[in-house]
Amino acid sequence: MSKDPQGGGTNADGSHNARYCSYCYQSGAFTFNGSVGEFQEFCRQKMIESGHSKFLAWLFTRGMKRLERWKSEKRGGG
């Protein structure tokens, strides 16, 4: 979250949410509606565009499926 310009996302009531970044979570909803694989690829491409190497982009996104947001999706929780 230290790299997030807003320091985290926002809940539906406008309060700060430190669990998810402002790129991913705004006004109490996730901003990306695809699968975890699609989200990983989206993030990899954004990192590469920002000047990170392909290896670092892969390394930093490979664990996304273990994040709470995607765990709940696997269980069907949304």
PDB file of N, CA and C in Angstrom:
ATOM      1  N   MET A   1       0.807  -1.197   0.000  1.00  0.00           N
ATOM      2  CA  MET A   1       0.000   0.000   0.000  1.00  0.00           C
ATOM      3  C   MET A   1       0.854   1.265   0.000  1.00  0.00           C
ATOM      4  N   SER A   2       2.109   1.124   0.328  1.00  0.00           N
ATOM      5  CA  SER A   2       2.966   2.311   0.379  1.00  0.00           C
ATOM      6  C   SER A   2       3.127   2.966  -0.990  1.00  0.00           C
ATOM      7  N   LYS A   3       2.962   2.217  -2.074  1.00  0.00           N
ATOM      8  CA  LYS A   3       3.078   2.771  -3.429  1.00  0.00           C
ATOM      9  C   LYS A   3       1.746   3.308  -3.948  1.00  0.00           C
ATOM     10  N   ASP A   4       0.657   2.997  -3.263  1.00  0.00           N
ATOM     11  CA  ASP A   4      -0.663   3.447  -3.675  1.00  0.00           C
ATOM     12  C   ASP A   4      -0.804   4.937  -3.372  1.00  0.00           C
ATOM     13  N   PRO A   5      -1.071   5.771  -4.372  1.00  0.00           N
ATOM     14  CA  PRO A   5      -1.157   7.211  -4.136  1.00  0.00           C
ATOM     15  C   PRO A   5      -2.260   7.592  -3.148  1.00  0.00           C
ATOM     16  N   GLN A   6      -3.289   6.767  -3.022  1.00  0.00           N
ATOM     17  CA  GLN A   6      -4.381   7.065  -2.098  1.00  0.00           C
ATOM     18  C   GLN A   6      -4.263   6.277  -0.792  1.00  0.00           C
ATOM     19  N   GLY A   7      -3.256   5.420  -0.691  1.00  0.00           N
ATOM     20  CA  GLY A   7      -3.034   4.662   0.536  1.00  0.00           C
ATOM     21  C   GLY A   7      -4.037   3.559   0.791  1.00  0.00           C
ATOM     22  N   GLY A   8      -4.790   3.180  -0.219  1.00  0.00           N
ATOM     23  CA  GLY A   8      -5.775   2.108  -0.084  1.00  0.00           C
ATOM     24  C   GLY A   8      -7.071   2.473  -0.760  1.00  0.00           C
ATOM     25  N   GLY A   9      -7.945   1.498  -0.832  1.00  0.00           N
ATOM     26  CA  GLY A   9      -9.237   1.700  -1.472  1.00  0.00           C
ATOM     27  C   GLY A   9     -10.232   2.387  -0.563  1.00  0.00           C
ATOM     28  N   THR A  10     -11.482   2.441  -1.018  1.00  0.00           N
ATOM     29  CA  THR A  10     -12.543   3.061  -0.226  1.00  0.00           C
ATOM     30  C   THR A  10     -13.738   2.127  -0.121  1.00  0.00           C
ATOM     31  N   ASN A  11     -14.381   2.169   1.030  1.00  0.00           N
ATOM     32  CA  ASN A  11     -15.608   1.408   1.259  1.00  0.00           C
ATOM     33  C   ASN A  11     -16.794   2.154   0.665  1.00  0.00           C
ATOM     34  N   ALA A  12     -17.963   1.518   0.652  1.00  0.00           N
ATOM     35  CA  ALA A  12     -19.165   2.129   0.079  1.00  0.00           C
ATOM     36  C   ALA A  12     -19.514   3.458   0.751  1.00  0.00           C
ATOM     37  N   ASP A  13     -19.212   3.577   2.047  1.00  0.00           N
ATOM     38  CA  ASP A  13     -19.517   4.817   2.764  1.00  0.00           C
ATOM     39  C   ASP A  13     -18.431   5.886   2.613  1.00  0.00           C
ATOM     40  N   GLY A  14     -17.408   5.596   1.802  1.00  0.00           N
ATOM     41  CA  GLY A  14     -16.329   6.539   1.557  1.00  0.00           C
ATOM     42  C   GLY A  14     -15.167   6.421   2.522  1.00  0.00           C
ATOM     43  N   SER A  15     -15.297   5.565   3.533  1.00  0.00           N
ATOM     44  CA  SER A  15     -14.205   5.387   4.495  1.00  0.00           C
ATOM     45  C   SER A  15     -13.051   4.624   3.857  1.00  0.00           C
ATOM     46  N   HIS A  16     -11.892   4.771   4.440  1.00  0.00           N
ATOM     47  CA  HIS A  16     -10.663   4.157   3.939  1.00  0.00           C
ATOM     48  C   HIS A  16     -10.696   2.637   4.143  1.00  0.00           C
ATOM     49  N   ASN A  17     -10.191   1.896   3.159  1.00  0.00           N
ATOM     50  CA  ASN A  17     -10.080   0.449   3.251  1.00  0.00           C
ATOM     51  C   ASN A  17      -8.622   0.080   3.025  1.00  0.00           C
ATOM     52  N   ALA A  18      -7.949  -0.384   4.068  1.00  0.00           N
ATOM     53  CA  ALA A  18      -6.524  -0.705   3.985  1.00  0.00           C
ATOM     54  C   ALA A  18      -6.266  -2.112   3.446  1.00  0.00           C
ATOM     55  N   ARG A  19      -7.283  -2.915   3.256  1.00  0.00           N
ATOM     56  CA  ARG A  19      -7.101  -4.280   2.770  1.00  0.00           C
ATOM     57  C   ARG A  19      -6.811  -4.323   1.270  1.00  0.00           C
ATOM     58  N   TYR A  20      -7.445  -3.436   0.514  1.00  0.00           N
ATOM     59  CA  TYR A  20      -7.301  -3.429  -0.944  1.00  0.00           C
ATOM     60  C   TYR A  20      -6.813  -2.059  -1.422  1.00  0.00           C
ATOM     61  N   CYS A  21      -6.050  -2.049  -2.503  1.00  0.00           N
ATOM     62  CA  CYS A  21      -5.513  -0.793  -3.030  1.00  0.00           C
ATOM     63  C   CYS A  21      -6.598  -0.006  -3.776  1.00  0.00           C
ATOM     64  N   SER A  22      -6.316   1.262  -4.002  1.00  0.00           N
ATOM     65  CA  SER A  22      -7.293   2.127  -4.670  1.00  0.00           C
ATOM     66  C   SER A  22      -7.460   1.768  -6.145  1.00  0.00           C
ATOM     67  N   TYR A  23      -6.507   1.062  -6.709  1.00  0.00           N
ATOM     68  CA  TYR A  23      -6.646   0.613  -8.096  1.00  0.00           C
ATOM     69  C   TYR A  23      -7.643  -0.542  -8.187  1.00  0.00           C
ATOM     70  N   CYS A  24      -7.751  -1.325  -7.128  1.00  0.00           N
ATOM     71  CA  CYS A  24      -8.563  -2.546  -7.129  1.00  0.00           C
ATOM     72  C   CYS A  24      -9.945  -2.370  -6.506  1.00  0.00           C
ATOM     73  N   TYR A  25     -10.058  -1.465  -5.554  1.00  0.00           N
ATOM     74  CA  TYR A  25     -11.276  -1.383  -4.745  1.00  0.00           C
ATOM     75  C   TYR A  25     -11.684   0.064  -4.545  1.00  0.00           C
ATOM     76  N   GLN A  26     -12.854   0.432  -5.059  1.00  0.00           N
ATOM     77  CA  GLN A  26     -13.347   1.801  -4.946  1.00  0.00           C
ATOM     78  C   GLN A  26     -14.831   1.782  -4.626  1.00  0.00           C
ATOM     79  N   SER A  27     -15.226   2.602  -3.686  1.00  0.00           N
ATOM     80  CA  SER A  27     -16.641   2.736  -3.299  1.00  0.00           C
ATOM     81  C   SER A  27     -17.272   1.402  -2.921  1.00  0.00           C
ATOM     82  N   GLY A  28     -16.498   0.539  -2.273  1.00  0.00           N
ATOM     83  CA  GLY A  28     -17.022  -0.726  -1.781  1.00  0.00           C
ATOM     84  C   GLY A  28     -17.146  -1.829  -2.809  1.00  0.00           C
ATOM     85  N   ALA A  29     -16.527  -1.655  -3.977  1.00  0.00           N
ATOM     86  CA  ALA A  29     -16.620  -2.672  -5.023  1.00  0.00           C
ATOM     87  C   ALA A  29     -15.268  -2.853  -5.706  1.00  0.00           C
ATOM     88  N   PHE A  30     -15.040  -4.065  -6.184  1.00  0.00           N
ATOM     89  CA  PHE A  30     -13.820  -4.333  -6.933  1.00  0.00           C
ATOM     90  C   PHE A  30     -13.925  -3.711  -8.317  1.00  0.00           C
ATOM     91  N   THR A  31     -12.826  -3.167  -8.806  1.00  0.00           N
ATOM     92  CA  THR A  31     -12.834  -2.474 -10.097  1.00  0.00           C
ATOM     93  C   THR A  31     -12.611  -3.422 -11.263  1.00  0.00           C
ATOM     94  N   PHE A  32     -12.113  -4.628 -10.998  1.00  0.00           N
ATOM     95  CA  PHE A  32     -11.841  -5.601 -12.053  1.00  0.00           C
ATOM     96  C   PHE A  32     -12.779  -6.780 -11.887  1.00  0.00           C
ATOM     97  N   ASN A  33     -13.498  -7.136 -12.938  1.00  0.00           N
ATOM     98  CA  ASN A  33     -14.511  -8.183 -12.835  1.00  0.00           C
ATOM     99  C   ASN A  33     -14.151  -9.482 -13.537  1.00  0.00           C
ATOM    100  N   GLY A  34     -12.916  -9.632 -13.980  1.00  0.00           N
ATOM    101  CA  GLY A  34     -12.504 -10.857 -14.657  1.00  0.00           C
ATOM    102  C   GLY A  34     -12.004 -11.907 -13.676  1.00  0.00           C
ATOM    103  N   SER A  35     -11.376 -12.918 -14.213  1.00  0.00           N
ATOM    104  CA  SER A  35     -10.820 -14.006 -13.405  1.00  0.00           C
ATOM    105  C   SER A  35      -9.482 -13.592 -12.811  1.00  0.00           C
ATOM    106  N   VAL A  36      -8.985 -14.385 -11.884  1.00  0.00           N
ATOM    107  CA  VAL A  36      -7.686 -14.095 -11.288  1.00  0.00           C
ATOM    108  C   VAL A  36      -6.583 -14.136 -12.348  1.00  0.00           C
ATOM    109  N   GLY A  37      -6.661 -15.067 -13.289  1.00  0.00           N
ATOM    110  CA  GLY A  37      -5.672 -15.141 -14.364  1.00  0.00           C
ATOM    111  C   GLY A  37      -5.677 -13.895 -15.230  1.00  0.00           C
ATOM    112  N   GLU A  38      -6.864 -13.416 -15.544  1.00  0.00           N
ATOM    113  CA  GLU A  38      -6.981 -12.188 -16.337  1.00  0.00           C
ATOM    114  C   GLU A  38      -6.438 -10.992 -15.557  1.00  0.00           C
ATOM    115  N   PHE A  39      -6.712 -10.965 -14.247  1.00  0.00           N
ATOM    116  CA  PHE A  39      -6.217  -9.873 -13.426  1.00  0.00           C
ATOM    117  C   PHE A  39      -4.694  -9.917 -13.314  1.00  0.00           C
ATOM    118  N   GLN A  40      -4.133 -11.106 -13.176  1.00  0.00           N
ATOM    119  CA  GLN A  40      -2.672 -11.233 -13.134  1.00  0.00           C
ATOM    120  C   GLN A  40      -2.057 -10.691 -14.416  1.00  0.00           C
ATOM    121  N   GLU A  41      -2.614 -11.046 -15.544  1.00  0.00           N
ATOM    122  CA  GLU A  41      -2.081 -10.574 -16.825  1.00  0.00           C
ATOM    123  C   GLU A  41      -2.228  -9.069 -16.951  1.00  0.00           C
ATOM    124  N   PHE A  42      -3.351  -8.523 -16.538  1.00  0.00           N
ATOM    125  CA  PHE A  42      -3.575  -7.076 -16.555  1.00  0.00           C
ATOM    126  C   PHE A  42      -2.503  -6.374 -15.715  1.00  0.00           C
ATOM    127  N   CYS A  43      -2.274  -6.883 -14.511  1.00  0.00           N
ATOM    128  CA  CYS A  43      -1.279  -6.265 -13.619  1.00  0.00           C
ATOM    129  C   CYS A  43       0.136  -6.421 -14.167  1.00  0.00           C
ATOM    130  N   ARG A  44       0.454  -7.584 -14.742  1.00  0.00           N
ATOM    131  CA  ARG A  44       1.777  -7.779 -15.347  1.00  0.00           C
ATOM    132  C   ARG A  44       2.028  -6.748 -16.433  1.00  0.00           C
ATOM    133  N   GLN A  45       1.037  -6.559 -17.280  1.00  0.00           N
ATOM    134  CA  GLN A  45       1.193  -5.606 -18.378  1.00  0.00           C
ATOM    135  C   GLN A  45       1.369  -4.178 -17.855  1.00  0.00           C
ATOM    136  N   LYS A  46       0.608  -3.807 -16.830  1.00  0.00           N
ATOM    137  CA  LYS A  46       0.741  -2.462 -16.240  1.00  0.00           C
ATOM    138  C   LYS A  46       2.124  -2.286 -15.624  1.00  0.00           C
ATOM    139  N   MET A  47       2.646  -3.320 -14.976  1.00  0.00           N
ATOM    140  CA  MET A  47       3.976  -3.237 -14.376  1.00  0.00           C
ATOM    141  C   MET A  47       5.053  -3.097 -15.448  1.00  0.00           C
ATOM    142  N   ILE A  48       4.919  -3.848 -16.532  1.00  0.00           N
ATOM    143  CA  ILE A  48       5.889  -3.773 -17.632  1.00  0.00           C
ATOM    144  C   ILE A  48       5.839  -2.375 -18.260  1.00  0.00           C
ATOM    145  N   GLU A  49       4.621  -1.853 -18.460  1.00  0.00           N
ATOM    146  CA  GLU A  49       4.472  -0.499 -18.994  1.00  0.00           C
ATOM    147  C   GLU A  49       5.110   0.544 -18.080  1.00  0.00           C
ATOM    148  N   SER A  50       5.128   0.257 -16.780  1.00  0.00           N
ATOM    149  CA  SER A  50       5.711   1.185 -15.803  1.00  0.00           C
ATOM    150  C   SER A  50       7.216   1.041 -15.670  1.00  0.00           C
ATOM    151  N   GLY A  51       7.800   0.114 -16.443  1.00  0.00           N
ATOM    152  CA  GLY A  51       9.248  -0.023 -16.447  1.00  0.00           C
ATOM    153  C   GLY A  51       9.806  -1.215 -15.698  1.00  0.00           C
ATOM    154  N   HIS A  52       8.948  -2.053 -15.105  1.00  0.00           N
ATOM    155  CA  HIS A  52       9.443  -3.255 -14.437  1.00  0.00           C
ATOM    156  C   HIS A  52       9.812  -4.309 -15.485  1.00  0.00           C
ATOM    157  N   SER A  53      10.730  -5.179 -15.128  1.00  0.00           N
ATOM    158  CA  SER A  53      11.089  -6.260 -16.047  1.00  0.00           C
ATOM    159  C   SER A  53       9.962  -7.289 -16.084  1.00  0.00           C
ATOM    160  N   LYS A  54       9.924  -8.087 -17.150  1.00  0.00           N
ATOM    161  CA  LYS A  54       8.917  -9.137 -17.255  1.00  0.00           C
ATOM    162  C   LYS A  54       9.041 -10.124 -16.101  1.00  0.00           C
ATOM    163  N   PHE A  55      10.274 -10.413 -15.693  1.00  0.00           N
ATOM    164  CA  PHE A  55      10.480 -11.341 -14.588  1.00  0.00           C
ATOM    165  C   PHE A  55       9.890 -10.796 -13.294  1.00  0.00           C
ATOM    166  N   LEU A  56      10.183  -9.537 -12.967  1.00  0.00           N
ATOM    167  CA  LEU A  56       9.638  -8.951 -11.738  1.00  0.00           C
ATOM    168  C   LEU A  56       8.119  -8.859 -11.793  1.00  0.00           C
ATOM    169  N   ALA A  57       7.580  -8.521 -12.941  1.00  0.00           N
ATOM    170  CA  ALA A  57       6.126  -8.451 -13.089  1.00  0.00           C
ATOM    171  C   ALA A  57       5.514  -9.828 -12.825  1.00  0.00           C
ATOM    172  N   TRP A  58       6.108 -10.870 -13.348  1.00  0.00           N
ATOM    173  CA  TRP A  58       5.629 -12.233 -13.091  1.00  0.00           C
ATOM    174  C   TRP A  58       5.760 -12.570 -11.613  1.00  0.00           C
ATOM    175  N   LEU A  59       6.916 -12.275 -11.043  1.00  0.00           N
ATOM    176  CA  LEU A  59       7.183 -12.607  -9.647  1.00  0.00           C
ATOM    177  C   LEU A  59       6.181 -11.939  -8.699  1.00  0.00           C
ATOM    178  N   PHE A  60       5.908 -10.668  -8.925  1.00  0.00           N
ATOM    179  CA  PHE A  60       5.017  -9.929  -8.026  1.00  0.00           C
ATOM    180  C   PHE A  60       3.543 -10.277  -8.206  1.00  0.00           C
ATOM    181  N   THR A  61       3.174 -10.898  -9.313  1.00  0.00           N
ATOM    182  CA  THR A  61       1.761 -11.215  -9.532  1.00  0.00           C
ATOM    183  C   THR A  61       1.437 -12.694  -9.357  1.00  0.00           C
ATOM    184  N   ARG A  62       2.428 -13.521  -9.221  1.00  0.00           N
ATOM    185  CA  ARG A  62       2.160 -14.964  -9.185  1.00  0.00           C
ATOM    186  C   ARG A  62       1.395 -15.414  -7.951  1.00  0.00           C
ATOM    187  N   GLY A  63       1.455 -14.687  -6.858  1.00  0.00           N
ATOM    188  CA  GLY A  63       0.761 -15.082  -5.643  1.00  0.00           C
ATOM    189  C   GLY A  63      -0.638 -14.499  -5.493  1.00  0.00           C
ATOM    190  N   MET A  64      -1.136 -13.814  -6.515  1.00  0.00           N
ATOM    191  CA  MET A  64      -2.439 -13.155  -6.398  1.00  0.00           C
ATOM    192  C   MET A  64      -3.578 -14.119  -6.081  1.00  0.00           C
ATOM    193  N   LYS A  65      -3.501 -15.335  -6.568  1.00  0.00           N
ATOM    194  CA  LYS A  65      -4.595 -16.280  -6.331  1.00  0.00           C
ATOM    195  C   LYS A  65      -4.749 -16.623  -4.853  1.00  0.00           C
ATOM    196  N   ARG A  66      -3.747 -16.301  -4.050  1.00  0.00           N
ATOM    197  CA  ARG A  66      -3.828 -16.557  -2.608  1.00  0.00           C
ATOM    198  C   ARG A  66      -4.367 -15.374  -1.820  1.00  0.00           C
ATOM    199  N   LEU A  67      -4.618 -14.256  -2.494  1.00  0.00           N
ATOM    200  CA  LEU A  67      -5.162 -13.082  -1.813  1.00  0.00           C
ATOM    201  C   LEU A  67      -6.624 -13.323  -1.436  1.00  0.00           C
ATOM    202  N   GLU A  68      -7.070 -12.696  -0.366  1.00  0.00           N
ATOM    203  CA  GLU A  68      -8.420 -12.909   0.168  1.00  0.00           C
ATOM    204  C   GLU A  68      -9.516 -12.716  -0.874  1.00  0.00           C
ATOM    205  N   ARG A  69      -9.372 -11.711  -1.721  1.00  0.00           N
ATOM    206  CA  ARG A  69     -10.402 -11.468  -2.743  1.00  0.00           C
ATOM    207  C   ARG A  69     -10.617 -12.689  -3.629  1.00  0.00           C
ATOM    208  N   TRP A  70      -9.549 -13.320  -4.057  1.00  0.00           N
ATOM    209  CA  TRP A  70      -9.666 -14.444  -4.974  1.00  0.00           C
ATOM    210  C   TRP A  70      -9.987 -15.730  -4.246  1.00  0.00           C
ATOM    211  N   LYS A  71      -9.596 -15.858  -3.000  1.00  0.00           N
ATOM    212  CA  LYS A  71      -9.971 -17.035  -2.205  1.00  0.00           C
ATOM    213  C   LYS A  71     -11.474 -17.098  -2.069  1.00  0.00           C
ATOM    214  N   SER A  72     -12.106 -15.958  -1.787  1.00  0.00           N
ATOM    215  CA  SER A  72     -13.553 -15.943  -1.609  1.00  0.00           C
ATOM    216  C   SER A  72     -14.259 -16.250  -2.928  1.00  0.00           C
ATOM    217  N   GLU A  73     -13.665 -15.856  -4.052  1.00  0.00           N
ATOM    218  CA  GLU A  73     -14.262 -16.158  -5.353  1.00  0.00           C
ATOM    219  C   GLU A  73     -14.217 -17.648  -5.643  1.00  0.00           C
ATOM    220  N   LYS A  74     -13.140 -18.318  -5.216  1.00  0.00           N
ATOM    221  CA  LYS A  74     -13.030 -19.768  -5.413  1.00  0.00           C
ATOM    222  C   LYS A  74     -14.126 -20.503  -4.668  1.00  0.00           C
ATOM    223  N   ARG A  75     -14.474 -19.998  -3.474  1.00  0.00           N
ATOM    224  CA  ARG A  75     -15.520 -20.620  -2.659  1.00  0.00           C
ATOM    225  C   ARG A  75     -16.906 -20.226  -3.132  1.00  0.00           C
ATOM    226  N   GLY A  76     -16.949 -19.341  -4.115  1.00  0.00           N
ATOM    227  CA  GLY A  76     -18.237 -18.891  -4.630  1.00  0.00           C
ATOM    228  C   GLY A  76     -18.819 -17.723  -3.863  1.00  0.00           C
ATOM    229  N   GLY A  77     -17.982 -17.072  -3.046  1.00  0.00           N
ATOM    230  CA  GLY A  77     -18.474 -15.981  -2.219  1.00  0.00           C
ATOM    231  C   GLY A  77     -18.547 -14.641  -2.908  1.00  0.00           C
ATOM    232  N   GLY A  78     -17.885 -14.448  -4.049  1.00  0.00           N
ATOM    233  CA  GLY A  78     -17.946 -13.181  -4.770  1.00  0.00           C
ATOM    234  C   GLY A  78     -17.107 -12.184  -4.250  1.00  0.00           C
TER     235      GLY A  78
END
